[in-house]
Amino acid sequence: MTQQSREKLFKEVKKRYLKADYKAKQEILNEFCQNTGYHRKHAIRILSISYSRVSADRRKKRSFTYSTYFFQLVIKIWELLEYPCGKRLQPQLLPIGESLERNHEIEPLEPYTKQQLSAIGAKTLDRRLKRERIIRRLKKNRGTTRHGSLLKSSIPIRITNWDARRIGFMEMDTVVHNGGDRPFGGICLQPGYAGNRHRMERAGRGIGQGRAGHCRCHR
């Protein structure tokens, strides 16, 4: 029997049960327990006149602890720090808030507000800032580095027979910065020489020029 069928049977049986005498109630209980699988004492409790399912299922709503002004301040600090997650944001709320107060960027903070800045949890910050992330279209990974179309397993790479005592064996990679700049970094294994060449593109021509620059500097 489904829960919906039990609820329908419960409403019909309760009307008969409350009007029946003692002997009829025993028969109704036997029939009700057999059909629903309820324990007899549980059936007596829910069929009594004092039982109400509405009051049993109703939950008390939680009150809001933090005010609108408080979260306006949190969002301001969050934007200044370039939208970190709640775990990284929480330790910086009070220091940044006091710094903004000293520089007259915000109104003087009340002691209660400072206490809330230090007490709010990281999960609460993530939950309350979720809507702001959607509005600003902030994804979890805002980096521009993506894996290539070719699988690494499909590209033969020699990882042995490296003579680190000889000059010429290098490791190279590109790193993307926010302004579109793409530093091309390389390190020579033998002397430990490292250097960067800044390229505004990552096409083959730009990478080749960066590699040539590394080779000239090393010589």
C-alpha atoms as a PDB file:
ATOM      1  CA  MET A   1       0.000   0.000   0.000  1.00  0.00           C
ATOM      2  CA  THR A   2       1.330   3.420  -0.984  1.00  0.00           C
ATOM      3  CA  GLN A   3       1.565   6.393   1.372  1.00  0.00           C
ATOM      4  CA  GLN A   4      -1.205   8.163  -0.530  1.00  0.00           C
ATOM      5  CA  SER A   5      -3.501   5.136  -0.106  1.00  0.00           C
ATOM      6  CA  ARG A   6      -2.705   4.991   3.604  1.00  0.00           C
ATOM      7  CA  GLU A   7      -3.589   8.668   4.041  1.00  0.00           C
ATOM      8  CA  LYS A   8      -6.908   8.172   2.272  1.00  0.00           C
ATOM      9  CA  LEU A   9      -7.700   5.071   4.363  1.00  0.00           C
ATOM     10  CA  PHE A  10      -6.640   6.878   7.550  1.00  0.00           C
ATOM     11  CA  LYS A  11      -9.137   9.725   6.977  1.00  0.00           C
ATOM     12  CA  GLU A  12     -12.023   7.330   6.327  1.00  0.00           C
ATOM     13  CA  VAL A  13     -11.243   4.990   9.219  1.00  0.00           C
ATOM     14  CA  LYS A  14     -10.757   7.816  11.742  1.00  0.00           C
ATOM     15  CA  LYS A  15     -14.305   9.093  11.149  1.00  0.00           C
ATOM     16  CA  ARG A  16     -15.735   5.616  11.902  1.00  0.00           C
ATOM     17  CA  TYR A  17     -13.364   5.012  14.817  1.00  0.00           C
ATOM     18  CA  LEU A  18     -14.315   8.188  16.717  1.00  0.00           C
ATOM     19  CA  LYS A  19     -18.052   7.362  16.482  1.00  0.00           C
ATOM     20  CA  ALA A  20     -17.774   3.622  17.319  1.00  0.00           C
ATOM     21  CA  ASP A  21     -18.175   1.944  20.724  1.00  0.00           C
ATOM     22  CA  TYR A  22     -15.457  -0.089  22.457  1.00  0.00           C
ATOM     23  CA  LYS A  23     -16.200  -3.416  20.710  1.00  0.00           C
ATOM     24  CA  ALA A  24     -16.457  -1.802  17.253  1.00  0.00           C
ATOM     25  CA  LYS A  25     -13.173   0.072  17.837  1.00  0.00           C
ATOM     26  CA  GLN A  26     -11.359  -3.248  18.426  1.00  0.00           C
ATOM     27  CA  GLU A  27     -12.600  -4.567  15.089  1.00  0.00           C
ATOM     28  CA  ILE A  28     -11.684  -1.323  13.300  1.00  0.00           C
ATOM     29  CA  LEU A  29      -8.180  -1.416  14.825  1.00  0.00           C
ATOM     30  CA  ASN A  30      -7.648  -5.014  13.716  1.00  0.00           C
ATOM     31  CA  GLU A  31      -8.738  -4.177  10.169  1.00  0.00           C
ATOM     32  CA  PHE A  32      -6.685  -0.949  10.026  1.00  0.00           C
ATOM     33  CA  CYS A  33      -3.463  -2.589  11.311  1.00  0.00           C
ATOM     34  CA  GLN A  34      -3.863  -5.494   8.884  1.00  0.00           C
ATOM     35  CA  ASN A  35      -4.291  -3.183   5.878  1.00  0.00           C
ATOM     36  CA  THR A  36      -1.544  -0.663   6.725  1.00  0.00           C
ATOM     37  CA  GLY A  37       1.000  -2.754   8.632  1.00  0.00           C
ATOM     38  CA  TYR A  38       1.024  -0.284  11.541  1.00  0.00           C
ATOM     39  CA  HIS A  39       1.692  -1.383  15.115  1.00  0.00           C
ATOM     40  CA  ARG A  40      -1.483  -1.478  17.206  1.00  0.00           C
ATOM     41  CA  LYS A  41      -0.303   1.180  19.697  1.00  0.00           C
ATOM     42  CA  HIS A  42       0.718   3.493  16.856  1.00  0.00           C
ATOM     43  CA  ALA A  43      -2.697   3.035  15.251  1.00  0.00           C
ATOM     44  CA  ILE A  44      -4.448   3.892  18.545  1.00  0.00           C
ATOM     45  CA  ARG A  45      -2.351   7.057  18.875  1.00  0.00           C
ATOM     46  CA  ILE A  46      -3.000   8.424  15.364  1.00  0.00           C
ATOM     47  CA  LEU A  47      -6.718   7.528  15.443  1.00  0.00           C
ATOM     48  CA  SER A  48      -7.285   9.385  18.737  1.00  0.00           C
ATOM     49  CA  ILE A  49      -9.083  12.728  18.693  1.00  0.00           C
ATOM     50  CA  SER A  50      -6.070  14.639  20.085  1.00  0.00           C
ATOM     51  CA  TYR A  51      -3.706  13.644  17.230  1.00  0.00           C
ATOM     52  CA  SER A  52      -3.125  16.134  14.392  1.00  0.00           C
ATOM     53  CA  ARG A  53      -0.801  15.496  11.446  1.00  0.00           C
ATOM     54  CA  VAL A  54      -0.674  19.200  10.503  1.00  0.00           C
ATOM     55  CA  SER A  55       1.031  20.265  13.728  1.00  0.00           C
ATOM     56  CA  ALA A  56       3.423  17.301  13.586  1.00  0.00           C
ATOM     57  CA  ASP A  57       4.705  18.128  10.066  1.00  0.00           C
ATOM     58  CA  ARG A  58       4.964  21.901  10.436  1.00  0.00           C
ATOM     59  CA  ARG A  59       8.514  23.200  10.941  1.00  0.00           C
ATOM     60  CA  LYS A  60       9.517  26.469  12.535  1.00  0.00           C
ATOM     61  CA  LYS A  61      11.230  28.889  10.155  1.00  0.00           C
ATOM     62  CA  ARG A  62      14.682  30.170  11.043  1.00  0.00           C
ATOM     63  CA  SER A  63      15.044  33.887  11.675  1.00  0.00           C
ATOM     64  CA  PHE A  64      17.662  35.916   9.799  1.00  0.00           C
ATOM     65  CA  THR A  65      20.765  36.652  11.878  1.00  0.00           C
ATOM     66  CA  TYR A  66      22.475  39.083   9.509  1.00  0.00           C
ATOM     67  CA  SER A  67      20.999  42.362   8.280  1.00  0.00           C
ATOM     68  CA  THR A  68      20.890  43.751   4.741  1.00  0.00           C
ATOM     69  CA  TYR A  69      23.505  46.401   5.618  1.00  0.00           C
ATOM     70  CA  PHE A  70      25.835  43.695   6.901  1.00  0.00           C
ATOM     71  CA  PHE A  71      25.731  41.774   3.625  1.00  0.00           C
ATOM     72  CA  GLN A  72      26.170  44.951   1.608  1.00  0.00           C
ATOM     73  CA  LEU A  73      29.456  45.379   3.456  1.00  0.00           C
ATOM     74  CA  VAL A  74      30.356  41.713   2.862  1.00  0.00           C
ATOM     75  CA  ILE A  75      29.667  42.069  -0.871  1.00  0.00           C
ATOM     76  CA  LYS A  76      31.839  45.205  -1.025  1.00  0.00           C
ATOM     77  CA  ILE A  77      34.767  43.351   0.560  1.00  0.00           C
ATOM     78  CA  TRP A  78      34.073  40.310  -1.643  1.00  0.00           C
ATOM     79  CA  GLU A  79      34.327  42.483  -4.771  1.00  0.00           C
ATOM     80  CA  LEU A  80      37.557  44.132  -3.572  1.00  0.00           C
ATOM     81  CA  LEU A  81      39.150  40.710  -3.115  1.00  0.00           C
ATOM     82  CA  GLU A  82      37.977  39.587  -6.603  1.00  0.00           C
ATOM     83  CA  TYR A  83      35.214  37.169  -5.567  1.00  0.00           C
ATOM     84  CA  PRO A  84      36.944  34.489  -3.452  1.00  0.00           C
ATOM     85  CA  CYS A  85      35.115  31.503  -1.996  1.00  0.00           C
ATOM     86  CA  GLY A  86      33.658  31.654   1.502  1.00  0.00           C
ATOM     87  CA  LYS A  87      36.551  29.789   3.095  1.00  0.00           C
ATOM     88  CA  ARG A  88      39.096  32.322   1.798  1.00  0.00           C
ATOM     89  CA  LEU A  89      36.825  35.307   2.305  1.00  0.00           C
ATOM     90  CA  GLN A  90      35.907  34.720   5.951  1.00  0.00           C
ATOM     91  CA  PRO A  91      39.362  35.399   7.558  1.00  0.00           C
ATOM     92  CA  GLN A  92      39.695  38.661   5.584  1.00  0.00           C
ATOM     93  CA  LEU A  93      36.319  40.219   6.423  1.00  0.00           C
ATOM     94  CA  LEU A  94      37.274  41.895   9.701  1.00  0.00           C
ATOM     95  CA  PRO A  95      40.791  43.114   8.670  1.00  0.00           C
ATOM     96  CA  ILE A  96      39.516  44.565   5.371  1.00  0.00           C
ATOM     97  CA  GLY A  97      36.461  46.073   7.094  1.00  0.00           C
ATOM     98  CA  GLU A  98      38.666  47.832   9.665  1.00  0.00           C
ATOM     99  CA  SER A  99      40.991  49.041   6.891  1.00  0.00           C
ATOM    100  CA  LEU A 100      38.039  50.534   4.981  1.00  0.00           C
ATOM    101  CA  GLU A 101      36.904  52.184   8.214  1.00  0.00           C
ATOM    102  CA  ARG A 102      40.340  53.751   8.848  1.00  0.00           C
ATOM    103  CA  ASN A 103      40.450  55.158   5.326  1.00  0.00           C
ATOM    104  CA  HIS A 104      36.894  56.548   5.597  1.00  0.00           C
ATOM    105  CA  GLU A 105      35.638  54.321   2.777  1.00  0.00           C
ATOM    106  CA  ILE A 106      32.696  53.196   4.920  1.00  0.00           C
ATOM    107  CA  GLU A 107      30.870  54.455   7.981  1.00  0.00           C
ATOM    108  CA  PRO A 108      32.319  53.560  11.425  1.00  0.00           C
ATOM    109  CA  LEU A 109      31.621  49.939  12.267  1.00  0.00           C
ATOM    110  CA  GLU A 110      29.550  49.060  15.305  1.00  0.00           C
ATOM    111  CA  PRO A 111      31.051  46.523  17.765  1.00  0.00           C
ATOM    112  CA  TYR A 112      28.189  44.138  16.950  1.00  0.00           C
ATOM    113  CA  THR A 113      29.018  44.340  13.217  1.00  0.00           C
ATOM    114  CA  LYS A 114      32.677  43.578  13.902  1.00  0.00           C
ATOM    115  CA  GLN A 115      31.638  40.585  15.961  1.00  0.00           C
ATOM    116  CA  GLN A 116      29.473  39.313  13.097  1.00  0.00           C
ATOM    117  CA  LEU A 117      32.321  39.791  10.587  1.00  0.00           C
ATOM    118  CA  SER A 118      34.544  37.527  12.655  1.00  0.00           C
ATOM    119  CA  ALA A 119      31.814  34.987  13.549  1.00  0.00           C
ATOM    120  CA  ILE A 120      30.067  34.325  10.222  1.00  0.00           C
ATOM    121  CA  GLY A 121      30.768  30.904   8.746  1.00  0.00           C
ATOM    122  CA  ALA A 122      32.236  30.068   5.342  1.00  0.00           C
ATOM    123  CA  LYS A 123      29.218  27.958   4.319  1.00  0.00           C
ATOM    124  CA  THR A 124      26.848  30.820   5.202  1.00  0.00           C
ATOM    125  CA  LEU A 125      28.893  33.147   2.993  1.00  0.00           C
ATOM    126  CA  ASP A 126      28.794  30.709   0.074  1.00  0.00           C
ATOM    127  CA  ARG A 127      25.041  30.220   0.486  1.00  0.00           C
ATOM    128  CA  ARG A 128      24.228  33.941   0.706  1.00  0.00           C
ATOM    129  CA  LEU A 129      26.617  34.920  -2.129  1.00  0.00           C
ATOM    130  CA  LYS A 130      25.305  32.249  -4.508  1.00  0.00           C
ATOM    131  CA  ARG A 131      22.778  34.647  -6.058  1.00  0.00           C
ATOM    132  CA  GLU A 132      25.466  37.323  -6.487  1.00  0.00           C
ATOM    133  CA  ARG A 133      27.650  34.829  -8.348  1.00  0.00           C
ATOM    134  CA  ILE A 134      24.784  34.032 -10.705  1.00  0.00           C
ATOM    135  CA  ILE A 135      24.132  37.744 -11.355  1.00  0.00           C
ATOM    136  CA  ARG A 136      27.817  38.357 -12.163  1.00  0.00           C
ATOM    137  CA  ARG A 137      28.053  35.090 -14.130  1.00  0.00           C
ATOM    138  CA  LEU A 138      31.005  33.890 -12.082  1.00  0.00           C
ATOM    139  CA  LYS A 139      31.939  30.306 -12.785  1.00  0.00           C
ATOM    140  CA  LYS A 140      33.884  28.085 -10.437  1.00  0.00           C
ATOM    141  CA  ASN A 141      36.855  28.003 -12.797  1.00  0.00           C
ATOM    142  CA  ARG A 142      37.489  31.450 -14.294  1.00  0.00           C
ATOM    143  CA  GLY A 143      40.850  30.534 -15.770  1.00  0.00           C
ATOM    144  CA  THR A 144      41.451  30.367 -19.524  1.00  0.00           C
ATOM    145  CA  THR A 145      43.683  27.292 -19.506  1.00  0.00           C
ATOM    146  CA  ARG A 146      41.935  24.349 -21.126  1.00  0.00           C
ATOM    147  CA  HIS A 147      43.069  20.899 -22.107  1.00  0.00           C
ATOM    148  CA  GLY A 148      43.887  20.368 -25.764  1.00  0.00           C
ATOM    149  CA  SER A 149      41.843  18.429 -28.273  1.00  0.00           C
ATOM    150  CA  LEU A 150      44.507  15.709 -28.434  1.00  0.00           C
ATOM    151  CA  LEU A 151      44.823  13.339 -25.515  1.00  0.00           C
ATOM    152  CA  LYS A 152      48.173  13.169 -23.789  1.00  0.00           C
ATOM    153  CA  SER A 153      48.113   9.421 -24.240  1.00  0.00           C
ATOM    154  CA  SER A 154      47.975   9.933 -28.019  1.00  0.00           C
ATOM    155  CA  ILE A 155      51.085  12.125 -28.135  1.00  0.00           C
ATOM    156  CA  PRO A 156      54.420  10.291 -27.828  1.00  0.00           C
ATOM    157  CA  ILE A 157      56.596  11.953 -25.181  1.00  0.00           C
ATOM    158  CA  ARG A 158      60.085  10.813 -24.266  1.00  0.00           C
ATOM    159  CA  ILE A 159      60.442  10.873 -20.490  1.00  0.00           C
ATOM    160  CA  THR A 160      63.685   8.885 -20.123  1.00  0.00           C
ATOM    161  CA  ASN A 161      67.340   9.265 -21.103  1.00  0.00           C
ATOM    162  CA  TRP A 162      67.507  12.901 -19.979  1.00  0.00           C
ATOM    163  CA  ASP A 163      71.107  13.838 -19.299  1.00  0.00           C
ATOM    164  CA  ALA A 164      70.654  16.635 -16.731  1.00  0.00           C
ATOM    165  CA  ARG A 165      74.421  17.204 -16.718  1.00  0.00           C
ATOM    166  CA  ARG A 166      74.355  18.601 -20.269  1.00  0.00           C
ATOM    167  CA  ILE A 167      73.101  22.064 -21.132  1.00  0.00           C
ATOM    168  CA  GLY A 168      70.132  22.137 -23.470  1.00  0.00           C
ATOM    169  CA  PHE A 169      67.453  20.073 -21.747  1.00  0.00           C
ATOM    170  CA  MET A 170      64.657  22.488 -20.854  1.00  0.00           C
ATOM    171  CA  GLU A 171      61.118  22.453 -19.473  1.00  0.00           C
ATOM    172  CA  MET A 172      58.736  25.077 -20.921  1.00  0.00           C
ATOM    173  CA  ASP A 173      55.137  26.158 -20.337  1.00  0.00           C
ATOM    174  CA  THR A 174      52.793  29.140 -20.730  1.00  0.00           C
ATOM    175  CA  VAL A 175      50.841  30.879 -17.953  1.00  0.00           C
ATOM    176  CA  VAL A 176      47.850  33.163 -18.609  1.00  0.00           C
ATOM    177  CA  HIS A 177      47.493  36.432 -16.650  1.00  0.00           C
ATOM    178  CA  ASN A 178      44.313  38.499 -16.371  1.00  0.00           C
ATOM    179  CA  GLY A 179      45.351  41.187 -18.846  1.00  0.00           C
ATOM    180  CA  GLY A 180      45.743  38.731 -21.710  1.00  0.00           C
ATOM    181  CA  ASP A 181      49.509  38.535 -21.225  1.00  0.00           C
ATOM    182  CA  ARG A 182      50.938  35.038 -21.662  1.00  0.00           C
ATOM    183  CA  PRO A 183      54.399  34.686 -20.079  1.00  0.00           C
ATOM    184  CA  PHE A 184      56.359  31.885 -21.701  1.00  0.00           C
ATOM    185  CA  GLY A 185      58.507  30.320 -18.994  1.00  0.00           C
ATOM    186  CA  GLY A 186      61.368  27.939 -19.310  1.00  0.00           C
ATOM    187  CA  ILE A 187      64.034  26.424 -17.069  1.00  0.00           C
ATOM    188  CA  CYS A 188      67.247  24.728 -18.082  1.00  0.00           C
ATOM    189  CA  LEU A 189      67.795  21.616 -16.004  1.00  0.00           C
ATOM    190  CA  GLN A 190      71.585  21.641 -15.737  1.00  0.00           C
ATOM    191  CA  PRO A 191      72.462  25.176 -14.463  1.00  0.00           C
ATOM    192  CA  GLY A 192      68.942  25.853 -13.140  1.00  0.00           C
ATOM    193  CA  TYR A 193      68.578  28.973 -15.319  1.00  0.00           C
ATOM    194  CA  ALA A 194      64.974  30.236 -15.540  1.00  0.00           C
ATOM    195  CA  GLY A 195      63.424  33.098 -17.483  1.00  0.00           C
ATOM    196  CA  ASN A 196      60.174  34.471 -18.898  1.00  0.00           C
ATOM    197  CA  ARG A 197      59.223  35.937 -22.260  1.00  0.00           C
ATOM    198  CA  HIS A 198      55.905  37.799 -22.502  1.00  0.00           C
ATOM    199  CA  ARG A 199      53.751  36.995 -25.533  1.00  0.00           C
ATOM    200  CA  MET A 200      50.235  38.282 -26.286  1.00  0.00           C
ATOM    201  CA  GLU A 201      49.392  35.143 -28.237  1.00  0.00           C
ATOM    202  CA  ARG A 202      49.785  31.405 -27.886  1.00  0.00           C
ATOM    203  CA  ALA A 203      49.984  30.473 -31.551  1.00  0.00           C
ATOM    204  CA  GLY A 204      52.903  28.444 -32.852  1.00  0.00           C
ATOM    205  CA  ARG A 205      54.737  31.533 -34.133  1.00  0.00           C
ATOM    206  CA  GLY A 206      54.630  33.280 -30.753  1.00  0.00           C
ATOM    207  CA  ILE A 207      55.743  30.183 -28.884  1.00  0.00           C
ATOM    208  CA  GLY A 208      58.611  29.703 -31.335  1.00  0.00           C
ATOM    209  CA  GLN A 209      59.810  33.271 -30.835  1.00  0.00           C
ATOM    210  CA  GLY A 210      59.655  32.850 -27.063  1.00  0.00           C
ATOM    211  CA  ARG A 211      61.693  29.657 -27.262  1.00  0.00           C
ATOM    212  CA  ALA A 212      64.281  31.338 -29.491  1.00  0.00           C
ATOM    213  CA  GLY A 213      64.559  34.190 -26.992  1.00  0.00           C
ATOM    214  CA  HIS A 214      65.270  31.726 -24.199  1.00  0.00           C
ATOM    215  CA  CYS A 215      67.981  30.060 -26.245  1.00  0.00           C
ATOM    216  CA  ARG A 216      69.701  33.409 -27.107  1.00  0.00           C
ATOM    217  CA  CYS A 217      69.651  34.561 -23.479  1.00  0.00           C
ATOM    218  CA  HIS A 218      71.083  31.292 -22.272  1.00  0.00           C
ATOM    219  CA  ARG A 219      73.959  31.465 -24.721  1.00  0.00           C
END
